[in-house]
Amino acid sequence: MNIVYFLLIGLVAGWLAGLVLKGRGFGLFGNLIAGVVGAFAGGFLFDLLGITWGGVLGSIGTATIGAIVVLVVISLLRKAT
């Protein structure tokens, strides 16, 4: 059940990151994938910084920030090529 919860949080985070970046994302499917990857990245970054958010909203916030970071990095890498 935890993996389903994690995937759902990641999908919501990807959708929110797409809304925040307005056109700088990679379409709905790409943003959803970035959300799942961003959930890992956000959890890792926040753990390094010692920041913890509790509950579902904290998980969504962490994953959304991670997804935004992932989308921005991918966008910068695509422009560099």
Protein backbone atom coordinates (compact mmCIF):
# COMPACT_ATOMS: atom_id res chain seq x y z
CA MET A 1 0.00 0.00 0.00
CA ASN A 2 2.89 2.38 0.67
CA ILE A 3 4.06 2.24 -2.95
CA VAL A 4 0.56 3.15 -4.18
CA TYR A 5 0.47 6.06 -1.71
CA PHE A 6 3.92 7.19 -2.86
CA LEU A 7 2.94 7.03 -6.54
CA LEU A 8 -0.28 8.96 -5.95
CA ILE A 9 1.60 11.67 -4.05
CA GLY A 10 4.16 11.82 -6.89
CA LEU A 11 1.46 12.12 -9.54
CA VAL A 12 -0.26 14.95 -7.68
CA ALA A 13 3.12 16.66 -7.20
CA GLY A 14 3.90 16.39 -10.91
CA TRP A 15 0.58 17.92 -11.82
CA LEU A 16 1.13 20.78 -9.33
CA ALA A 17 4.67 21.36 -10.59
CA GLY A 18 3.30 21.66 -14.13
CA LEU A 19 0.85 24.30 -12.93
CA VAL A 20 3.59 26.22 -11.12
CA LEU A 21 5.99 26.21 -14.08
CA LYS A 22 3.28 27.15 -16.64
CA GLY A 23 4.57 25.94 -19.98
CA ARG A 24 8.10 25.07 -18.88
CA GLY A 25 7.12 21.47 -18.15
CA PHE A 26 6.94 18.48 -20.46
CA GLY A 27 3.23 17.91 -20.87
CA LEU A 28 0.95 16.07 -18.50
CA PHE A 29 2.63 12.66 -18.79
CA GLY A 30 6.16 14.08 -18.50
CA ASN A 31 5.19 16.19 -15.51
CA LEU A 32 3.60 13.21 -13.77
CA ILE A 33 6.78 11.19 -14.25
CA ALA A 34 8.80 14.16 -12.98
CA GLY A 35 6.52 14.21 -9.94
CA VAL A 36 7.33 10.63 -9.06
CA VAL A 37 11.06 11.27 -9.57
CA GLY A 38 10.66 14.56 -7.71
CA ALA A 39 9.16 12.76 -4.74
CA PHE A 40 12.45 10.87 -4.41
CA ALA A 41 14.52 14.01 -5.04
CA GLY A 42 12.48 16.19 -2.68
CA GLY A 43 12.67 13.61 0.09
CA PHE A 44 16.42 13.33 -0.40
CA LEU A 45 17.00 17.11 -0.49
CA PHE A 46 14.81 17.80 2.52
CA ASP A 47 16.49 15.00 4.46
CA LEU A 48 19.91 16.52 3.71
CA LEU A 49 18.69 19.90 4.93
CA GLY A 50 17.07 18.41 8.02
CA ILE A 51 13.61 19.69 7.06
CA THR A 52 10.60 17.53 7.83
CA TRP A 53 6.96 18.10 6.97
CA GLY A 54 4.35 15.79 8.39
CA GLY A 55 1.19 14.39 6.96
CA VAL A 56 -0.18 14.17 3.47
CA LEU A 57 0.18 17.90 2.75
CA GLY A 58 3.81 17.79 3.83
CA SER A 59 4.44 14.85 1.52
CA ILE A 60 2.76 16.62 -1.37
CA GLY A 61 4.74 19.80 -0.67
CA THR A 62 8.05 17.96 -0.50
CA ALA A 63 7.32 16.01 -3.67
CA THR A 64 6.12 19.14 -5.51
CA ILE A 65 9.29 21.05 -4.66
CA GLY A 66 11.33 18.05 -5.78
CA ALA A 67 9.35 17.83 -9.02
CA ILE A 68 9.91 21.54 -9.71
CA VAL A 69 13.65 21.07 -9.19
CA VAL A 70 13.66 18.03 -11.49
CA LEU A 71 11.71 19.87 -14.22
CA VAL A 72 13.96 22.94 -14.04
CA VAL A 73 17.13 20.82 -14.21
CA ILE A 74 15.79 18.83 -17.18
CA SER A 75 14.76 22.08 -18.88
CA LEU A 76 18.24 23.55 -18.40
CA LEU A 77 19.88 20.39 -19.72
CA ARG A 78 17.66 20.40 -22.82
CA LYS A 79 18.58 24.02 -23.55
CA ALA A 80 22.28 23.22 -23.23
CA THR A 81 22.13 20.66 -26.04
